[in-house]
N, C-alpha and C. Protein backbone atom coordinates (compact mmCIF):
# COMPACT_ATOMS: atom_id res chain seq x y z
N MET A 1 113.33 143.73 116.60
CA MET A 1 114.37 142.91 116.00
C MET A 1 113.58 141.57 115.41
N ARG A 2 112.73 141.11 116.12
CA ARG A 2 112.14 139.72 115.58
C ARG A 2 111.34 140.12 114.34
N THR A 3 110.71 141.28 114.12
CA THR A 3 110.07 141.67 112.92
C THR A 3 111.04 142.01 111.77
N LEU A 4 112.20 142.38 112.34
CA LEU A 4 112.98 142.69 111.16
C LEU A 4 113.67 141.26 110.76
N ALA A 5 113.92 140.37 111.70
CA ALA A 5 114.27 138.96 111.06
C ALA A 5 113.35 138.37 110.18
N LEU A 6 112.01 138.45 110.50
CA LEU A 6 110.95 137.87 109.67
C LEU A 6 110.79 138.55 108.31
N PHE A 7 110.88 139.89 108.29
CA PHE A 7 111.04 140.57 107.17
C PHE A 7 112.05 140.31 106.01
N LEU A 8 113.23 140.09 106.76
CA LEU A 8 114.44 139.80 106.05
C LEU A 8 114.22 138.28 105.47
N ALA A 9 113.75 137.40 106.29
CA ALA A 9 113.47 136.03 105.89
C ALA A 9 112.45 135.95 104.71
N SER A 10 111.59 136.91 104.75
CA SER A 10 110.58 136.79 103.55
C SER A 10 110.87 137.40 102.19
N ILE A 11 112.05 138.06 102.31
CA ILE A 11 112.42 138.89 101.06
C ILE A 11 113.64 138.37 100.43
N VAL A 12 114.38 137.36 101.15
CA VAL A 12 115.70 136.55 100.77
C VAL A 12 114.91 135.29 100.13
N PRO A 13 115.49 135.22 98.94
CA PRO A 13 115.12 134.10 98.10
C PRO A 13 115.46 132.73 98.90
N CYS A 14 114.52 131.76 98.82
CA CYS A 14 114.75 130.49 99.56
C CYS A 14 115.32 129.55 98.66
N SER A 15 116.05 128.65 99.27
CA SER A 15 116.54 127.49 98.24
C SER A 15 115.57 126.61 98.18
N VAL A 16 115.54 125.94 96.87
CA VAL A 16 114.67 124.93 96.49
C VAL A 16 115.34 123.56 96.40
N SER A 17 114.79 122.66 97.17
CA SER A 17 115.31 121.30 97.06
C SER A 17 114.35 120.47 96.18
N VAL A 18 115.15 119.53 95.37
CA VAL A 18 114.42 118.72 94.32
C VAL A 18 114.64 117.43 94.74
N ALA A 19 113.72 116.48 94.94
CA ALA A 19 113.74 115.14 95.33
C ALA A 19 114.08 114.31 93.97
N ALA A 20 114.97 113.50 94.10
CA ALA A 20 115.26 112.59 93.20
C ALA A 20 113.97 111.70 92.80
N PRO A 21 113.85 111.36 91.55
CA PRO A 21 112.77 110.39 91.02
C PRO A 21 112.98 109.02 91.91
N SER A 22 111.82 108.25 92.01
CA SER A 22 112.03 107.01 92.90
C SER A 22 112.68 105.87 92.16
N ASN A 23 112.81 105.92 90.73
CA ASN A 23 113.45 104.89 90.04
C ASN A 23 114.90 105.06 89.98
N THR A 24 115.38 106.39 90.45
CA THR A 24 116.90 106.56 90.43
C THR A 24 117.53 106.23 91.70
N PRO A 25 118.40 105.32 91.75
CA PRO A 25 119.01 104.98 92.95
C PRO A 25 119.86 106.14 93.42
N SER A 26 119.69 106.53 94.86
CA SER A 26 120.51 107.61 95.50
C SER A 26 121.44 106.89 96.18
N LYS A 27 122.50 107.54 96.50
CA LYS A 27 123.66 107.12 97.21
C LYS A 27 123.47 106.54 98.81
N ALA A 28 122.33 107.14 99.27
CA ALA A 28 121.92 106.59 100.67
C ALA A 28 121.10 105.23 100.44
N SER A 29 120.53 105.05 99.32
CA SER A 29 119.81 103.78 99.16
C SER A 29 120.67 102.56 98.72
N ILE A 30 121.91 102.67 98.36
CA ILE A 30 122.79 101.67 97.83
C ILE A 30 123.34 101.05 99.00
N VAL A 31 123.35 99.84 99.12
CA VAL A 31 123.86 98.79 100.04
C VAL A 31 124.87 98.16 99.63
N ASP A 32 126.13 98.33 100.19
CA ASP A 32 127.33 97.91 99.66
C ASP A 32 127.61 96.52 100.09
N HIS A 33 127.03 95.85 101.01
CA HIS A 33 127.26 94.48 101.38
C HIS A 33 126.08 93.74 100.80
N PRO A 34 126.35 92.39 100.52
CA PRO A 34 125.28 91.54 99.90
C PRO A 34 124.22 91.15 100.81
N ILE A 35 122.92 91.20 100.46
CA ILE A 35 121.90 90.61 101.36
C ILE A 35 121.52 89.20 100.90
N ARG A 36 120.92 88.48 101.67
CA ARG A 36 120.39 87.24 101.43
C ARG A 36 118.92 87.24 101.12
N VAL A 37 118.62 86.73 99.77
CA VAL A 37 117.43 86.94 99.30
C VAL A 37 116.97 85.36 99.16
N VAL A 38 115.64 85.17 99.37
CA VAL A 38 115.08 83.76 99.39
C VAL A 38 113.84 83.82 98.33
N LEU A 39 114.21 82.91 97.47
CA LEU A 39 113.26 82.58 96.33
C LEU A 39 112.66 81.29 96.43
N VAL A 40 111.31 81.33 95.94
CA VAL A 40 110.64 80.02 95.82
C VAL A 40 109.98 79.94 94.52
N ASN A 41 110.13 78.90 93.88
CA ASN A 41 109.36 78.65 92.55
C ASN A 41 107.83 78.05 92.87
N MET A 42 107.04 79.10 92.35
CA MET A 42 105.49 78.67 92.65
C MET A 42 104.96 78.51 91.29
N SER A 43 105.55 78.24 90.29
CA SER A 43 104.94 78.26 88.99
C SER A 43 104.36 76.63 88.63
N GLY A 44 105.07 75.76 89.22
CA GLY A 44 104.80 74.35 88.92
C GLY A 44 105.57 73.94 87.75
N GLN A 45 106.34 74.79 87.11
CA GLN A 45 107.11 74.50 85.99
C GLN A 45 108.56 74.62 86.42
N ARG A 46 109.59 74.29 85.52
CA ARG A 46 111.14 74.44 85.68
C ARG A 46 111.34 75.87 85.46
N ARG A 47 112.20 76.46 86.42
CA ARG A 47 112.42 77.94 86.40
C ARG A 47 113.87 77.81 86.77
N GLN A 48 114.90 78.79 86.33
CA GLN A 48 116.21 78.98 86.48
C GLN A 48 116.59 80.46 86.65
N ILE A 49 117.50 80.84 87.41
CA ILE A 49 117.95 82.16 87.72
C ILE A 49 119.14 82.25 86.82
N ARG A 50 119.34 83.17 86.08
CA ARG A 50 120.48 83.39 85.26
C ARG A 50 121.46 84.33 86.00
N LEU A 51 122.63 83.77 86.19
CA LEU A 51 123.80 84.42 86.96
C LEU A 51 124.88 84.67 86.11
N LYS A 52 125.95 85.44 86.60
CA LYS A 52 127.19 85.51 85.70
C LYS A 52 127.94 84.28 85.78
N SER A 53 127.76 83.58 86.89
CA SER A 53 128.40 82.37 87.03
C SER A 53 127.76 81.10 86.35
N GLY A 54 126.61 81.23 85.86
CA GLY A 54 125.80 80.14 85.10
C GLY A 54 124.32 80.26 85.62
N ASP A 55 123.72 79.25 85.20
CA ASP A 55 122.22 79.05 85.58
C ASP A 55 122.01 78.35 86.98
N LEU A 56 121.08 78.60 87.82
CA LEU A 56 120.80 78.27 89.08
C LEU A 56 119.54 77.66 89.03
N ASP A 57 119.29 76.19 89.12
CA ASP A 57 117.85 75.61 89.32
C ASP A 57 117.05 76.32 90.36
N LEU A 58 115.88 76.49 90.16
CA LEU A 58 114.81 76.60 91.06
C LEU A 58 113.84 75.45 91.16
N PRO A 59 114.11 74.60 92.26
CA PRO A 59 113.10 73.40 92.30
C PRO A 59 111.79 74.02 92.72
N ILE A 60 110.82 73.29 92.35
CA ILE A 60 109.50 73.68 92.68
C ILE A 60 109.17 73.68 93.95
N GLY A 61 108.58 74.55 94.54
CA GLY A 61 108.18 74.83 95.98
C GLY A 61 109.31 74.70 97.11
N THR A 62 110.56 74.72 96.63
CA THR A 62 111.60 74.79 97.39
C THR A 62 112.30 75.99 97.72
N TRP A 63 112.72 76.44 98.95
CA TRP A 63 113.26 77.69 99.06
C TRP A 63 114.78 77.65 98.68
N VAL A 64 115.05 78.78 98.00
CA VAL A 64 116.59 78.77 97.40
C VAL A 64 116.89 80.25 97.89
N ALA A 65 118.04 80.10 98.69
CA ALA A 65 118.63 81.45 99.20
C ALA A 65 119.93 81.84 98.27
N ILE A 66 119.85 82.99 97.79
CA ILE A 66 121.25 83.56 97.14
C ILE A 66 121.47 84.83 97.74
N ASP A 67 122.82 85.23 97.54
CA ASP A 67 123.26 86.50 98.01
C ASP A 67 123.23 87.60 96.90
N SER A 68 122.55 88.76 97.06
CA SER A 68 122.39 89.70 96.06
C SER A 68 122.68 91.06 96.63
N HIS A 69 122.51 92.08 95.72
CA HIS A 69 122.78 93.47 96.17
C HIS A 69 121.47 94.18 95.87
N VAL A 70 120.98 95.30 96.62
CA VAL A 70 120.09 96.01 96.34
C VAL A 70 120.09 96.69 95.09
N GLY A 71 118.98 96.63 94.21
CA GLY A 71 119.10 97.28 92.97
C GLY A 71 119.44 96.30 91.79
N ALA A 72 120.01 95.10 92.24
CA ALA A 72 120.39 93.97 91.22
C ALA A 72 119.32 93.42 90.51
N THR A 73 119.38 93.00 89.23
CA THR A 73 118.18 92.25 88.51
C THR A 73 118.53 91.03 88.33
N LEU A 74 117.60 90.07 89.01
CA LEU A 74 117.80 88.72 88.65
C LEU A 74 116.93 88.45 87.48
N TYR A 75 117.42 87.62 86.43
CA TYR A 75 116.71 87.11 85.44
C TYR A 75 116.05 85.64 85.55
N ILE A 76 114.92 85.51 85.45
CA ILE A 76 114.22 84.21 85.51
C ILE A 76 113.97 83.63 84.23
N VAL A 77 114.47 82.38 83.76
CA VAL A 77 114.51 81.69 82.50
C VAL A 77 113.94 80.46 82.74
N SER A 78 113.47 79.64 81.74
CA SER A 78 113.14 78.44 81.71
C SER A 78 113.97 77.62 80.57
N ASP A 79 114.46 76.40 80.88
CA ASP A 79 115.19 75.84 79.79
C ASP A 79 114.30 74.81 79.01
N THR A 80 112.89 74.87 79.46
CA THR A 80 111.95 74.11 78.63
C THR A 80 110.89 74.99 78.12
N ASN A 81 110.82 76.51 78.46
CA ASN A 81 109.90 77.14 77.90
C ASN A 81 110.51 78.47 77.55
N ARG A 82 110.96 78.56 76.27
CA ARG A 82 111.60 80.01 75.72
C ARG A 82 110.76 81.25 76.08
N SER A 83 109.45 81.29 76.24
CA SER A 83 108.86 82.42 76.31
C SER A 83 108.88 82.96 77.81
N VAL A 84 109.50 82.07 78.68
CA VAL A 84 109.74 82.87 80.08
C VAL A 84 110.89 83.88 80.07
N ASP A 85 110.76 84.92 80.50
CA ASP A 85 111.86 85.81 80.54
C ASP A 85 111.31 86.86 81.37
N GLU A 86 111.56 86.87 82.68
CA GLU A 86 111.16 87.69 83.80
C GLU A 86 112.38 88.28 84.53
N GLN A 87 112.07 89.45 85.05
CA GLN A 87 113.22 90.18 85.56
C GLN A 87 112.76 90.53 86.82
N LEU A 88 113.37 90.28 88.02
CA LEU A 88 113.04 90.48 89.38
C LEU A 88 114.28 91.55 90.13
N VAL A 89 113.87 92.77 90.37
CA VAL A 89 114.74 93.72 90.77
C VAL A 89 114.73 93.57 92.30
N ILE A 90 115.81 93.61 92.87
CA ILE A 90 116.06 93.40 94.42
C ILE A 90 115.91 94.63 95.01
N LYS A 91 115.01 94.84 95.99
CA LYS A 91 114.60 96.15 96.48
C LYS A 91 115.06 96.08 98.02
N ARG A 92 115.40 97.25 98.62
CA ARG A 92 115.48 97.23 100.14
C ARG A 92 114.35 96.57 100.84
N GLY A 93 114.56 95.62 101.78
CA GLY A 93 113.56 95.04 102.70
C GLY A 93 113.40 93.55 101.86
N ASP A 94 113.91 93.28 100.87
CA ASP A 94 113.56 91.84 100.23
C ASP A 94 114.33 90.85 101.05
N ASP A 95 115.28 91.24 101.84
CA ASP A 95 115.88 90.20 102.68
C ASP A 95 115.09 89.63 103.70
N ALA A 96 114.09 90.55 104.18
CA ALA A 96 113.16 90.00 105.24
C ALA A 96 112.00 89.23 104.59
N SER A 97 111.77 88.99 103.34
CA SER A 97 110.76 88.37 102.83
C SER A 97 110.94 87.23 101.75
N ILE A 98 110.02 86.45 101.41
CA ILE A 98 110.31 85.39 100.43
C ILE A 98 109.71 85.91 99.15
N LEU A 99 110.42 85.88 98.22
CA LEU A 99 110.17 86.32 96.97
C LEU A 99 109.53 85.19 96.00
N ARG A 100 108.56 85.25 95.54
CA ARG A 100 107.79 84.12 94.64
C ARG A 100 108.07 84.38 93.27
N VAL A 101 108.35 83.17 92.61
CA VAL A 101 108.82 83.07 91.19
C VAL A 101 107.64 82.42 90.39
N ARG A 102 106.89 83.03 89.42
CA ARG A 102 105.75 82.33 88.79
C ARG A 102 106.35 82.00 87.49
């Protein structure tokens, strides 16, 4: 009986599972509630975070905590230097660390 089961398992086509690419968010990785992200300006220059509600100043060397979602993009800009245009994507686990802005 066991041999018959092994034989049938070997001839029946198996199902193939395909993993989603790592840059595509899956439903399991989406966090519905906001997480607290701590940013610190390490550039020595003026930096700001562009939010929907307006720009938030990042004082040099001071921790700034904001609420965000996993997968959200924070835009780092400067009102004194137009060449500064960085994007910071919030990842799972960023709520447990300090993110440095350069």
